[in-house]
Amino acid sequence: SNNLFNFNQGLKHGDVVGVWSTNSYNWVQIQYACFRLGLILSTVNPGYQVDELDYLLRRAQIKALFMPGADSKHNVVNKFQTVLTDVLIKDSQTDFTSNDGVLDQTLVDGVKPEDPAVIMFTSGTTGKPKGAYLSHFTAAYDVDLGDKTFCNPLPFFHAFGGMLGNLGMCGVPFKNVIPNFFYNVKLVVNAINKHQCTYLIGTPTMIIDILDYLETNNIKLDSLKGINTGGSSMPINVAHRVHKIIPTCTDVRVAYGATEAGELLSRGHNQMIGYWRDEKNTRAAIDSSNWYKSGDLATMDEHGYIKIVGRTKEMIIRGGENIYPREVEELLHKHPDILDAYVHHRTGEEVCAWIQPKDPNKKPTEAEIREFCKQRITYFKVPQYVLFVDKFPLTPAGKVKKFVMREQSCRILGDLATMNEQGYIKIIGRTKEMIIRGGENIYPREVEELLHKHPDILDAYVCGVPDDRLGEEVCAWIQPKDPNKKLTEAEIREFCKQRITYFKVPRYVLFVDSFPLTPAGKVKKFVMREQSCRILGLNEK
């Protein structure tokens, strides 16, 4: 803490400090130093690109940003060197353990329990991310005291890994094993055995992945006594599977957090203060009596036990009947040939199930899945659509992104559209125009909308062209605002690289004066593709 303060360049109590990095021990050092000095820690998703980073830095009013150095191994995750010019940058790989041990005690004494301690931004799946902030008292209240050796593979920029996982050392002797920069099942299992970890924290998706890895490779985890999971619901069958594959693991707990079940209201010391600099969303989430509206659906039995049954925004209303996805998911997990399953609603509020078979070579048929469900649940809850998948779209914290599932289901089933949590549909393109590059789906409209933000581009359209190695590549046709001030291909690609995922960046850029149009004025993309292949010397497929 003293070392951080010595080069603080004017940082003072209450200033916001950002950490933009994957997991490391230095991350934890910075976290503790900020808490001790009364600086507010704002965690930043290490996958953020320029536009996302720009929004967060300005929204949180970050005064200093810690990030990996130019030669850091963390750079395999992202290109960290592009940041805002007015932000003070410190190197998060600096060794903060080497200091003189002298600290002005008045700095520590000035930190009050009710002061803001940390800002953690939501995933932003339905709009701009909101920064939930916690006080020092809340952070300490959430600590799970116990003499344990924890394996913590969760991303630190999320509350589960960064708060519960990292702050346990505050109260008792506590070992926190960080197995990876970002989640890797092999590294997690190796770390548990190497360090004889007694507890593991992770999302249900991670736990299922670890169990599958152990079973496939016949590996034992004899030191493991317990698992703390959270982030989303965990089917009871997964808990039974834990005990079967890891007999020593008899303590399985599902944590309830602010982002996970009629609507459940809660109030207490472990609750966030509100959303940082966002009074509107704070009022929507917390009422005047300080009750937090969780958005979770729950039931309470006669003994006062609460059972989370789903999310209000995920509930499916089909023909006036309420369907809770979790109920159908719990049932699907009982099928002997299913490894994992998630359910969402599709256009018209029909039930769509995504299923990951235990054995890809022995997957059940759609008819068998529906018949399995018909014999066990009411007819209107039976999935009308069944899609078999190898994996699920996940957030960096390991939660399943159901909005992505809905989008992909629409595409697979003949629609190319997005649907928000209220069920409204947005058309994002045509199925015939979608580009599949190395197994990744690219929607031309997304790239086109980005290109239209470039100050020197008048109009732009994107099409797919054949590629022998990846199947398809992205080709952009660009009409400059000023023909005499033509941009270079490299400038266009660099503009895109800073704002979208690498595989969406155009491989080919063609500058044109006009586009091939139908009599109705629509762009003929099939002609663009043909002409692109001719110009680039590619074989049309």
Protein backbone atom coordinates (compact mmCIF):
# COMPACT_ATOMS: atom_id res chain seq x y z
CA SER A 1 0.00 0.00 0.00
CA ASN A 2 2.82 2.39 0.90
CA ASN A 3 4.59 1.72 -2.40
CA LEU A 4 1.41 2.46 -4.34
CA PHE A 5 0.89 5.70 -2.44
CA ASN A 6 4.47 6.84 -3.01
CA PHE A 7 3.97 7.13 -6.75
CA ASN A 8 0.26 7.96 -6.66
CA GLN A 9 0.71 11.09 -8.81
CA GLY A 10 -1.98 13.00 -6.93
CA LEU A 11 -4.38 10.13 -6.16
CA LYS A 12 -6.40 10.79 -3.05
CA HIS A 13 -9.07 9.18 -0.88
CA GLY A 14 -12.19 8.50 -2.95
CA ASP A 15 -10.48 8.53 -6.36
CA VAL A 16 -11.34 5.64 -8.69
CA VAL A 17 -8.54 3.30 -9.80
CA GLY A 18 -9.08 0.77 -12.58
CA VAL A 19 -7.51 -2.67 -13.03
CA TRP A 20 -7.63 -3.88 -16.65
CA SER A 21 -5.99 -7.28 -16.52
CA THR A 22 -6.51 -11.02 -16.41
CA ASN A 23 -6.00 -12.91 -13.13
CA SER A 24 -2.66 -12.54 -11.35
CA TYR A 25 -1.27 -12.16 -7.84
CA ASN A 26 -0.43 -8.52 -8.66
CA TRP A 27 -4.14 -7.97 -9.29
CA VAL A 28 -4.83 -9.00 -5.69
CA GLN A 29 -2.04 -6.75 -4.38
CA ILE A 30 -3.52 -3.76 -6.15
CA GLN A 31 -6.97 -4.65 -4.83
CA TYR A 32 -5.78 -4.72 -1.19
CA ALA A 33 -3.72 -1.56 -1.63
CA CYS A 34 -6.72 0.38 -2.97
CA PHE A 35 -8.98 -0.80 -0.15
CA ARG A 36 -6.40 0.13 2.47
CA LEU A 37 -5.78 3.62 1.09
CA GLY A 38 -9.45 4.48 0.55
CA LEU A 39 -9.15 4.41 -3.24
CA ILE A 40 -12.16 2.98 -5.08
CA LEU A 41 -11.27 -0.07 -7.18
CA SER A 42 -13.05 -0.38 -10.53
CA THR A 43 -12.62 -3.75 -12.20
CA VAL A 44 -12.33 -3.79 -16.00
CA ASN A 45 -13.05 -6.78 -18.24
CA PRO A 46 -9.66 -7.74 -19.79
CA GLY A 47 -11.39 -8.46 -23.09
CA TYR A 48 -12.61 -4.87 -23.53
CA GLN A 49 -11.72 -3.09 -26.76
CA VAL A 50 -11.38 0.68 -27.22
CA ASP A 51 -15.07 1.65 -27.40
CA GLU A 52 -15.98 -0.44 -24.36
CA LEU A 53 -12.95 0.77 -22.42
CA ASP A 54 -13.67 4.38 -23.34
CA TYR A 55 -17.21 4.11 -21.97
CA LEU A 56 -16.15 2.49 -18.71
CA LEU A 57 -13.27 4.87 -17.99
CA ARG A 58 -15.49 7.88 -18.49
CA ARG A 59 -18.49 6.40 -16.69
CA ALA A 60 -16.50 5.42 -13.61
CA GLN A 61 -14.31 8.57 -13.81
CA ILE A 62 -11.19 6.46 -13.45
CA LYS A 63 -8.13 8.50 -12.48
CA ALA A 64 -5.51 5.76 -12.90
CA LEU A 65 -5.51 2.49 -14.80
CA PHE A 66 -3.36 -0.54 -14.00
CA MET A 67 -2.75 -2.83 -16.96
CA PRO A 68 -0.20 -5.40 -18.20
CA GLY A 69 3.13 -4.09 -19.43
CA ALA A 70 4.27 -4.31 -23.05
CA ASP A 71 6.09 -7.62 -22.50
CA SER A 72 3.52 -9.22 -20.20
CA LYS A 73 2.26 -12.74 -20.82
CA HIS A 74 -1.26 -11.34 -20.32
CA ASN A 75 -1.07 -9.84 -23.82
CA VAL A 76 -2.11 -13.19 -25.28
CA VAL A 77 -5.62 -12.28 -24.10
CA ASN A 78 -5.86 -8.77 -25.51
CA LYS A 79 -3.92 -5.84 -26.94
CA PHE A 80 -3.75 -3.78 -23.79
CA GLN A 81 -1.64 -0.86 -25.00
CA THR A 82 -4.42 1.27 -26.53
CA VAL A 83 -5.93 3.45 -23.80
CA LEU A 84 -7.28 6.95 -23.39
CA THR A 85 -4.63 9.67 -23.49
CA ASP A 86 -5.77 11.44 -20.33
CA VAL A 87 -5.58 8.38 -18.09
CA LEU A 88 -2.62 7.81 -15.80
CA ILE A 89 -1.30 4.31 -16.45
CA LYS A 90 0.62 2.20 -13.95
CA ASP A 91 2.12 -1.21 -14.69
CA SER A 92 0.17 -3.92 -12.86
CA GLN A 93 3.21 -6.22 -13.02
CA THR A 94 5.14 -3.98 -10.61
CA ASP A 95 6.19 -5.84 -7.46
CA PHE A 96 4.33 -4.11 -4.63
CA THR A 97 5.74 -6.42 -2.00
CA SER A 98 9.06 -4.56 -1.95
CA ASN A 99 8.48 -1.43 0.10
CA ASP A 100 9.87 0.11 3.25
CA GLY A 101 6.92 -1.07 5.34
CA VAL A 102 6.19 2.46 6.57
CA LEU A 103 2.67 3.77 6.03
CA ASP A 104 1.05 6.96 7.20
CA GLN A 105 -1.58 5.55 9.58
CA THR A 106 -3.84 8.55 9.04
CA LEU A 107 -4.50 7.24 5.51
CA VAL A 108 -5.85 3.98 6.87
CA ASP A 109 -7.72 5.68 9.70
CA GLY A 110 -9.49 7.90 7.15
CA VAL A 111 -11.20 4.93 5.47
CA LYS A 112 -14.74 4.46 6.80
CA PRO A 113 -16.85 1.27 6.58
CA GLU A 114 -19.56 3.05 4.59
CA ASP A 115 -17.12 4.44 1.98
CA PRO A 116 -17.40 3.00 -1.56
CA ALA A 117 -14.77 0.27 -2.00
CA VAL A 118 -15.31 -1.30 -5.41
CA ILE A 119 -17.23 -0.73 -8.63
CA MET A 120 -18.07 -3.78 -10.74
CA PHE A 121 -19.77 -3.28 -14.08
CA THR A 122 -22.46 -5.69 -15.30
CA SER A 123 -22.13 -7.63 -18.54
CA GLY A 124 -24.27 -5.10 -20.41
CA THR A 125 -26.33 -7.72 -22.24
CA THR A 126 -29.37 -5.47 -22.63
CA GLY A 127 -27.70 -2.08 -22.94
CA LYS A 128 -24.74 -0.17 -21.57
CA PRO A 129 -23.06 -1.81 -18.55
CA LYS A 130 -24.07 -0.52 -15.11
CA GLY A 131 -21.52 -0.15 -12.33
CA ALA A 132 -22.70 -1.79 -9.11
CA TYR A 133 -20.67 -0.41 -6.19
CA LEU A 134 -20.11 -1.89 -2.75
CA SER A 135 -18.94 -0.35 0.51
CA HIS A 136 -16.03 -1.57 2.61
CA PHE A 137 -18.53 -2.98 5.10
CA THR A 138 -20.33 -4.90 2.34
CA ALA A 139 -17.04 -6.27 1.00
CA ALA A 140 -16.01 -7.49 4.46
CA TYR A 141 -19.50 -8.88 5.15
CA ASP A 142 -19.29 -11.05 2.02
CA VAL A 143 -16.06 -12.72 3.13
CA ASP A 144 -16.41 -16.47 3.75
CA LEU A 145 -14.13 -17.05 6.73
CA GLY A 146 -12.51 -20.45 7.08
CA ASP A 147 -9.09 -22.07 7.13
CA LYS A 148 -9.07 -23.39 3.56
CA THR A 149 -6.96 -23.65 0.45
CA PHE A 150 -9.14 -22.24 -2.29
CA CYS A 151 -8.66 -22.84 -6.01
CA ASN A 152 -10.03 -19.71 -7.69
CA PRO A 153 -10.27 -19.94 -11.51
CA LEU A 154 -13.01 -17.30 -11.75
CA PRO A 155 -12.25 -13.94 -13.41
CA PHE A 156 -11.35 -11.35 -10.79
CA PHE A 157 -13.29 -8.57 -12.51
CA HIS A 158 -16.49 -10.35 -11.39
CA ALA A 159 -17.75 -10.27 -7.81
CA PHE A 160 -17.66 -14.03 -7.24
CA GLY A 161 -13.95 -14.46 -8.00
CA GLY A 162 -12.72 -10.98 -7.13
CA MET A 163 -14.58 -10.50 -3.85
CA LEU A 164 -15.50 -13.86 -2.32
CA GLY A 165 -12.43 -15.53 -3.78
CA ASN A 166 -9.80 -12.89 -3.01
CA LEU A 167 -10.96 -11.38 0.28
CA GLY A 168 -11.10 -14.57 2.34
CA MET A 169 -7.52 -13.88 3.45
CA CYS A 170 -8.74 -10.86 5.44
CA GLY A 171 -10.03 -12.85 8.40
CA VAL A 172 -8.02 -16.04 8.83
CA PRO A 173 -4.96 -17.81 7.38
CA PHE A 174 -6.14 -18.57 3.88
CA LYS A 175 -4.46 -19.80 0.70
CA ASN A 176 -5.79 -18.49 -2.60
CA VAL A 177 -4.53 -20.53 -5.56
CA ILE A 178 -4.80 -18.78 -8.93
CA PRO A 179 -4.54 -21.54 -11.54
CA ASN A 180 -4.79 -19.51 -14.74
CA PHE A 181 -4.92 -16.11 -16.47
CA PHE A 182 -8.29 -17.20 -17.79
CA TYR A 183 -10.22 -20.44 -17.33
CA ASN A 184 -8.56 -23.64 -18.54
CA VAL A 185 -9.92 -26.94 -17.21
CA LYS A 186 -6.57 -28.77 -17.39
CA LEU A 187 -4.75 -26.04 -15.45
CA VAL A 188 -7.49 -25.95 -12.82
CA VAL A 189 -7.37 -29.70 -12.18
CA ASN A 190 -3.55 -29.71 -12.12
CA ALA A 191 -3.51 -26.80 -9.64
CA ILE A 192 -5.96 -28.51 -7.27
CA ASN A 193 -3.77 -31.62 -7.10
CA LYS A 194 -0.46 -29.78 -6.99
CA HIS A 195 -1.48 -27.44 -4.15
CA GLN A 196 -3.84 -29.91 -2.43
CA CYS A 197 -6.73 -27.45 -2.60
CA THR A 198 -9.58 -28.23 -0.25
CA TYR A 199 -12.20 -25.97 -1.84
CA LEU A 200 -13.05 -24.91 -5.38
CA ILE A 201 -15.17 -21.97 -6.49
CA GLY A 202 -16.65 -21.80 -9.96
CA THR A 203 -19.79 -21.40 -12.03
CA PRO A 204 -22.02 -24.44 -12.67
CA THR A 205 -20.75 -24.58 -16.25
CA MET A 206 -17.16 -24.80 -15.00
CA ILE A 207 -18.09 -27.51 -12.49
CA ILE A 208 -19.74 -29.61 -15.23
CA ASP A 209 -16.68 -29.13 -17.45
CA ILE A 210 -14.32 -30.19 -14.63
CA LEU A 211 -16.41 -33.27 -13.81
CA ASP A 212 -16.43 -34.30 -17.46
CA TYR A 213 -12.64 -33.83 -17.67
CA LEU A 214 -12.05 -35.91 -14.53
CA GLU A 215 -14.31 -38.70 -15.74
CA THR A 216 -12.84 -38.76 -19.26
CA ASN A 217 -9.22 -38.80 -18.05
CA ASN A 218 -9.78 -40.94 -14.93
CA ILE A 219 -8.26 -38.30 -12.63
CA LYS A 220 -8.87 -38.10 -8.87
CA LEU A 221 -9.16 -34.97 -6.70
CA ASP A 222 -8.71 -36.55 -3.28
CA SER A 223 -7.89 -33.29 -1.47
CA LEU A 224 -11.14 -31.55 -2.47
CA LYS A 225 -13.68 -31.30 0.33
CA GLY A 226 -16.09 -28.69 -0.99
CA ILE A 227 -17.32 -26.63 -3.92
CA ASN A 228 -18.86 -23.18 -3.80
CA THR A 229 -20.75 -22.41 -6.99
CA GLY A 230 -22.88 -19.52 -8.17
CA GLY A 231 -23.53 -17.16 -11.05
CA SER A 232 -26.49 -19.25 -12.24
CA SER A 233 -28.61 -22.13 -11.04
CA MET A 234 -27.08 -25.60 -10.71
CA PRO A 235 -29.24 -28.67 -11.35
CA ILE A 236 -29.46 -31.03 -8.38
CA ASN A 237 -28.18 -33.87 -10.57
CA VAL A 238 -24.87 -32.05 -11.00
CA ALA A 239 -24.46 -31.94 -7.21
CA HIS A 240 -25.08 -35.71 -7.05
CA ARG A 241 -22.53 -36.18 -9.85
CA VAL A 242 -19.95 -34.22 -7.84
CA HIS A 243 -20.24 -36.68 -4.96
CA LYS A 244 -20.05 -39.63 -7.34
CA ILE A 245 -16.89 -38.47 -9.17
CA ILE A 246 -15.23 -36.75 -6.17
CA PRO A 247 -16.29 -38.83 -3.12
CA THR A 248 -14.33 -36.63 -0.69
CA CYS A 249 -16.29 -33.56 -1.81
CA THR A 250 -19.30 -33.62 0.50
CA ASP A 251 -19.84 -29.86 0.89
CA VAL A 252 -21.51 -28.41 -2.23
CA ARG A 253 -22.98 -24.93 -1.85
CA VAL A 254 -24.78 -22.73 -4.36
CA ALA A 255 -24.17 -19.07 -3.59
CA TYR A 256 -26.90 -16.53 -4.19
CA GLY A 257 -25.74 -13.19 -5.55
CA ALA A 258 -27.26 -9.96 -6.78
CA THR A 259 -27.13 -11.06 -10.37
CA GLU A 260 -28.86 -14.42 -10.05
CA ALA A 261 -34.91 -15.76 -8.41
CA GLY A 262 -42.41 -14.17 -7.87
CA GLU A 263 -39.99 -11.60 -7.45
CA LEU A 264 -37.56 -12.04 -4.57
CA LEU A 265 -36.79 -8.85 -2.63
CA SER A 266 -33.78 -8.66 -0.34
CA ARG A 267 -32.20 -6.19 2.05
CA GLY A 268 -29.04 -6.44 4.11
CA HIS A 269 -25.44 -5.44 4.72
CA ASN A 270 -24.20 -7.57 1.84
CA GLN A 271 -26.17 -5.54 -0.71
CA MET A 272 -24.69 -3.13 -3.21
CA ILE A 273 -25.10 0.58 -2.49
CA GLY A 274 -26.39 1.23 -6.01
CA TYR A 275 -25.20 1.78 -9.56
CA TRP A 276 -22.25 4.16 -9.84
CA ARG A 277 -23.33 7.59 -11.20
CA ASP A 278 -26.60 6.07 -12.41
CA GLU A 279 -29.51 7.28 -10.27
CA LYS A 280 -32.18 6.10 -12.72
CA ASN A 281 -31.14 2.43 -12.69
CA THR A 282 -30.44 2.56 -8.95
CA ARG A 283 -34.03 3.69 -8.27
CA ALA A 284 -35.32 0.95 -10.59
CA ALA A 285 -33.35 -1.72 -8.69
CA ILE A 286 -33.65 -0.51 -5.06
CA ASP A 287 -36.85 0.94 -3.63
CA SER A 288 -37.22 3.77 -1.12
CA SER A 289 -37.08 1.32 1.79
CA ASN A 290 -33.78 -0.09 0.49
CA TRP A 291 -35.28 -3.36 -0.74
CA TYR A 292 -33.35 -4.76 -3.71
CA LYS A 293 -35.53 -6.09 -6.55
CA SER A 294 -33.58 -9.16 -7.61
CA GLY A 295 -35.47 -10.05 -10.77
CA ASP A 296 -35.54 -13.64 -9.49
CA LEU A 297 -38.56 -15.90 -9.24
CA ALA A 298 -38.75 -17.76 -5.93
CA THR A 299 -41.05 -19.88 -3.80
CA MET A 300 -41.03 -20.18 0.00
CA ASP A 301 -42.19 -23.28 1.85
CA GLU A 302 -43.92 -23.45 5.25
CA HIS A 303 -40.55 -23.61 7.02
CA GLY A 304 -39.32 -20.40 5.42
CA TYR A 305 -36.90 -22.04 2.98
CA ILE A 306 -36.61 -20.20 -0.32
CA LYS A 307 -36.20 -21.98 -3.64
CA ILE A 308 -35.09 -20.04 -6.71
CA VAL A 309 -37.10 -21.21 -9.72
CA GLY A 310 -35.89 -18.84 -12.42
CA ARG A 311 -35.57 -15.27 -13.64
CA THR A 312 -38.56 -13.01 -14.25
CA LYS A 313 -37.05 -11.93 -17.57
CA GLU A 314 -36.46 -15.53 -18.65
CA MET A 315 -39.95 -16.80 -17.82
CA ILE A 316 -41.79 -18.11 -20.87
CA ILE A 317 -45.51 -17.35 -21.21
CA ARG A 318 -47.02 -19.80 -23.68
CA GLY A 319 -50.76 -19.56 -24.33
CA GLY A 320 -51.20 -17.84 -20.97
CA GLU A 321 -49.27 -20.56 -19.12
CA ASN A 322 -46.08 -19.72 -17.19
CA ILE A 323 -43.05 -21.89 -17.93
CA TYR A 324 -39.89 -21.66 -15.83
CA PRO A 325 -36.83 -22.66 -17.92
CA ARG A 326 -35.06 -24.00 -14.86
CA GLU A 327 -37.78 -26.62 -14.30
CA VAL A 328 -37.33 -27.98 -17.83
CA GLU A 329 -33.53 -27.80 -17.50
CA GLU A 330 -33.63 -29.79 -14.25
CA LEU A 331 -35.66 -32.48 -16.01
CA LEU A 332 -33.33 -32.65 -19.03
CA HIS A 333 -30.34 -33.16 -16.71
CA LYS A 334 -31.97 -36.39 -15.54
CA HIS A 335 -31.71 -37.91 -19.03
CA PRO A 336 -28.88 -40.48 -19.00
CA ASP A 337 -27.42 -39.30 -22.32
CA ILE A 338 -27.41 -35.54 -21.60
CA LEU A 339 -24.32 -33.81 -20.19
CA ASP A 340 -25.74 -30.29 -19.97
CA ALA A 341 -28.89 -28.47 -21.13
CA TYR A 342 -30.38 -24.97 -21.19
CA VAL A 343 -33.79 -23.72 -22.24
CA HIS A 344 -34.95 -20.38 -23.64
CA HIS A 345 -37.94 -18.94 -25.45
CA ARG A 346 -38.13 -18.33 -29.17
CA THR A 347 -40.38 -16.10 -31.30
CA GLY A 348 -43.98 -16.77 -30.30
CA GLU A 349 -42.88 -17.93 -26.81
CA GLU A 350 -42.20 -21.50 -27.87
CA VAL A 351 -39.75 -23.55 -25.77
CA CYS A 352 -36.34 -24.21 -27.33
CA ALA A 353 -33.84 -26.56 -25.66
CA TRP A 354 -30.08 -26.59 -26.26
CA ILE A 355 -28.60 -29.97 -25.38
CA GLN A 356 -24.99 -31.09 -25.01
CA PRO A 357 -24.87 -34.91 -25.27
CA LYS A 358 -22.50 -36.92 -23.07
CA ASP A 359 -21.32 -38.81 -26.14
CA PRO A 360 -21.40 -36.79 -29.41
CA ASN A 361 -21.52 -40.09 -31.31
CA LYS A 362 -24.53 -41.31 -29.36
CA LYS A 363 -26.89 -38.40 -29.15
CA PRO A 364 -30.65 -38.92 -28.69
CA THR A 365 -33.07 -37.71 -31.36
CA GLU A 366 -35.36 -34.70 -31.04
CA ALA A 367 -38.34 -37.06 -30.89
CA GLU A 368 -36.76 -39.02 -28.03
CA ILE A 369 -36.13 -35.83 -26.05
CA ARG A 370 -39.70 -34.66 -26.50
CA GLU A 371 -41.09 -38.07 -25.56
CA PHE A 372 -38.86 -38.13 -22.45
CA CYS A 373 -40.32 -34.75 -21.41
CA LYS A 374 -43.94 -35.62 -22.31
CA GLN A 375 -43.89 -38.49 -19.84
CA ARG A 376 -42.74 -36.25 -16.99
CA ILE A 377 -44.07 -32.68 -17.40
CA THR A 378 -47.23 -30.96 -18.65
CA TYR A 379 -47.54 -30.84 -22.44
CA PHE A 380 -47.09 -27.05 -22.81
CA LYS A 381 -43.66 -27.20 -21.13
CA VAL A 382 -42.30 -29.75 -23.62
CA PRO A 383 -39.65 -28.17 -25.93
CA GLN A 384 -40.94 -27.65 -29.45
CA TYR A 385 -37.41 -27.12 -30.73
CA VAL A 386 -34.35 -29.18 -29.75
CA LEU A 387 -30.83 -28.19 -30.83
CA PHE A 388 -27.77 -30.37 -30.14
CA VAL A 389 -24.56 -28.41 -29.45
CA ASP A 390 -20.93 -29.01 -28.48
CA LYS A 391 -20.83 -26.00 -26.13
CA PHE A 392 -22.80 -23.01 -24.91
CA PRO A 393 -22.13 -19.28 -25.38
CA LEU A 394 -20.65 -18.05 -22.09
CA THR A 395 -19.80 -14.75 -20.46
CA PRO A 396 -16.22 -14.31 -19.21
CA ALA A 397 -17.54 -15.34 -15.78
CA GLY A 398 -18.83 -18.63 -17.18
CA LYS A 399 -22.55 -17.79 -17.21
CA VAL A 400 -24.64 -18.96 -20.14
CA LYS A 401 -25.65 -16.07 -22.42
CA LYS A 402 -29.27 -16.90 -23.17
CA PHE A 403 -29.74 -13.84 -25.37
CA VAL A 404 -27.02 -15.27 -27.65
CA MET A 405 -28.76 -18.64 -27.57
CA ARG A 406 -31.96 -16.94 -28.74
CA GLU A 407 -30.15 -15.14 -31.55
CA GLN A 408 -28.41 -18.30 -32.75
CA SER A 409 -31.62 -20.33 -32.48
CA CYS A 410 -33.38 -17.80 -34.69
CA ARG A 411 -30.63 -18.17 -37.29
CA ILE A 412 -30.52 -21.96 -37.17
CA LEU A 413 -34.28 -22.21 -37.36
CA GLY A 414 -34.51 -19.83 -40.31
CA ASP A 415 -34.59 -16.39 -38.67
CA LEU A 416 -31.71 -13.94 -38.52
CA ALA A 417 -32.81 -11.69 -35.69
CA THR A 418 -32.09 -10.64 -32.13
CA MET A 419 -34.61 -10.68 -29.31
CA ASN A 420 -34.32 -8.58 -26.16
CA GLU A 421 -35.40 -9.69 -22.71
CA GLN A 422 -38.89 -8.29 -23.27
CA GLY A 423 -39.27 -10.44 -26.40
CA TYR A 424 -38.92 -7.67 -28.98
CA ILE A 425 -37.21 -8.76 -32.19
CA LYS A 426 -34.60 -6.84 -34.15
CA ILE A 427 -33.72 -8.01 -37.66
CA ILE A 428 -29.94 -8.01 -38.01
CA GLY A 429 -29.53 -9.44 -41.48
CA ARG A 430 -30.35 -12.19 -43.93
CA THR A 431 -29.43 -15.84 -43.38
CA LYS A 432 -27.98 -16.04 -46.89
CA GLU A 433 -25.64 -13.10 -46.14
CA MET A 434 -24.21 -14.44 -42.91
CA ILE A 435 -20.47 -15.16 -43.10
CA ILE A 436 -19.04 -18.25 -41.40
CA ARG A 437 -15.30 -17.83 -40.87
CA GLY A 438 -13.51 -20.73 -39.21
CA GLY A 439 -16.72 -21.76 -37.47
CA GLU A 440 -17.44 -18.23 -36.18
CA ASN A 441 -20.66 -16.49 -37.27
CA ILE A 442 -20.30 -12.94 -38.60
CA TYR A 443 -23.29 -10.71 -39.27
CA PRO A 444 -22.41 -8.24 -42.08
CA ARG A 445 -24.71 -5.59 -40.64
CA GLU A 446 -22.65 -5.37 -37.44
CA VAL A 447 -19.44 -4.69 -39.41
CA GLU A 448 -21.26 -2.27 -41.72
CA GLU A 449 -22.62 -0.27 -38.78
CA LEU A 450 -19.12 0.01 -37.37
CA LEU A 451 -17.64 1.17 -40.69
CA HIS A 452 -20.31 3.87 -40.94
CA LYS A 453 -18.88 5.36 -37.74
CA HIS A 454 -15.58 6.12 -39.48
CA PRO A 455 -15.43 9.89 -40.17
CA ASP A 456 -14.11 9.44 -43.72
CA ILE A 457 -16.56 6.78 -44.92
CA LEU A 458 -19.72 7.76 -46.78
CA ASP A 459 -21.17 4.29 -47.24
CA ALA A 460 -20.04 0.68 -46.73
CA TYR A 461 -21.26 -2.85 -47.33
CA VAL A 462 -19.78 -6.22 -46.38
CA CYS A 463 -19.96 -9.61 -48.07
CA GLY A 464 -18.30 -12.99 -47.68
CA VAL A 465 -15.75 -14.34 -50.13
CA PRO A 466 -14.40 -17.92 -50.31
CA ASP A 467 -11.28 -18.97 -48.42
CA ASP A 468 -9.69 -22.43 -48.71
CA ARG A 469 -8.56 -22.54 -45.07
CA LEU A 470 -11.34 -20.80 -43.13
CA GLY A 471 -14.29 -21.32 -45.45
CA GLU A 472 -15.07 -17.61 -45.84
CA GLU A 473 -13.37 -14.26 -45.33
CA VAL A 474 -14.84 -10.81 -44.79
CA CYS A 475 -14.68 -8.37 -47.70
CA ALA A 476 -15.67 -4.71 -47.23
CA TRP A 477 -16.73 -2.36 -50.05
CA ILE A 478 -16.17 1.23 -48.99
CA GLN A 479 -17.27 4.49 -50.59
CA PRO A 480 -15.12 7.35 -49.20
CA LYS A 481 -16.65 10.74 -48.44
CA ASP A 482 -13.84 12.42 -50.36
CA PRO A 483 -12.55 10.41 -53.37
CA ASN A 484 -9.34 12.47 -53.26
CA LYS A 485 -8.72 11.52 -49.65
CA LYS A 486 -8.85 7.78 -49.93
CA LEU A 487 -8.06 5.69 -46.86
CA THR A 488 -5.69 2.72 -46.91
CA GLU A 489 -6.72 -0.88 -46.29
CA ALA A 490 -4.42 -0.98 -43.26
CA GLU A 491 -6.16 2.06 -41.71
CA ILE A 492 -9.58 0.44 -42.13
CA ARG A 493 -8.43 -2.82 -40.58
CA GLU A 494 -6.78 -1.04 -37.64
CA PHE A 495 -9.97 0.99 -37.06
CA CYS A 496 -11.95 -2.27 -36.87
CA LYS A 497 -9.38 -4.19 -34.79
CA GLN A 498 -9.72 -1.66 -31.97
CA ARG A 499 -13.50 -2.03 -31.85
CA ILE A 500 -14.60 -5.55 -32.76
CA THR A 501 -13.38 -9.11 -32.24
CA TYR A 502 -10.49 -10.04 -34.50
CA PHE A 503 -12.33 -12.58 -36.68
CA LYS A 504 -14.88 -9.93 -37.78
CA VAL A 505 -12.19 -7.57 -39.12
CA PRO A 506 -12.31 -7.37 -42.97
CA ARG A 507 -9.52 -9.35 -44.62
CA TYR A 508 -10.14 -7.53 -47.92
CA VAL A 509 -11.03 -3.86 -48.43
CA LEU A 510 -12.16 -2.50 -51.81
CA PHE A 511 -12.73 1.22 -52.40
CA VAL A 512 -15.57 1.97 -54.83
CA ASP A 513 -17.47 4.90 -56.29
CA SER A 514 -20.84 3.12 -56.23
CA PHE A 515 -22.55 -0.16 -55.34
CA PRO A 516 -24.48 -2.61 -57.59
CA LEU A 517 -28.17 -1.89 -56.96
CA THR A 518 -31.52 -3.44 -57.83
CA PRO A 519 -34.13 -1.20 -59.54
CA ALA A 520 -35.60 -0.73 -56.05
CA GLY A 521 -32.26 0.62 -54.78
CA LYS A 522 -31.18 -2.40 -52.73
CA VAL A 523 -27.55 -3.50 -52.79
CA LYS A 524 -27.01 -6.72 -54.75
CA LYS A 525 -24.58 -8.55 -52.51
CA PHE A 526 -24.37 -11.59 -54.78
CA VAL A 527 -22.96 -9.25 -57.44
CA MET A 528 -20.55 -7.78 -54.86
CA ARG A 529 -19.34 -11.29 -54.09
CA GLU A 530 -18.87 -12.16 -57.77
CA GLN A 531 -17.01 -8.94 -58.53
CA SER A 532 -14.88 -9.27 -55.36
CA CYS A 533 -13.78 -12.76 -56.40
CA ARG A 534 -12.86 -11.48 -59.87
CA ILE A 535 -10.92 -8.46 -58.53
CA LEU A 536 -9.11 -10.49 -55.85
CA GLY A 537 -8.44 -13.50 -58.05
CA LEU A 538 -10.48 -15.89 -55.90
CA ASN A 539 -12.37 -18.94 -57.14
CA GLU A 540 -16.13 -18.47 -56.66
CA LYS A 541 -17.67 -21.41 -54.78
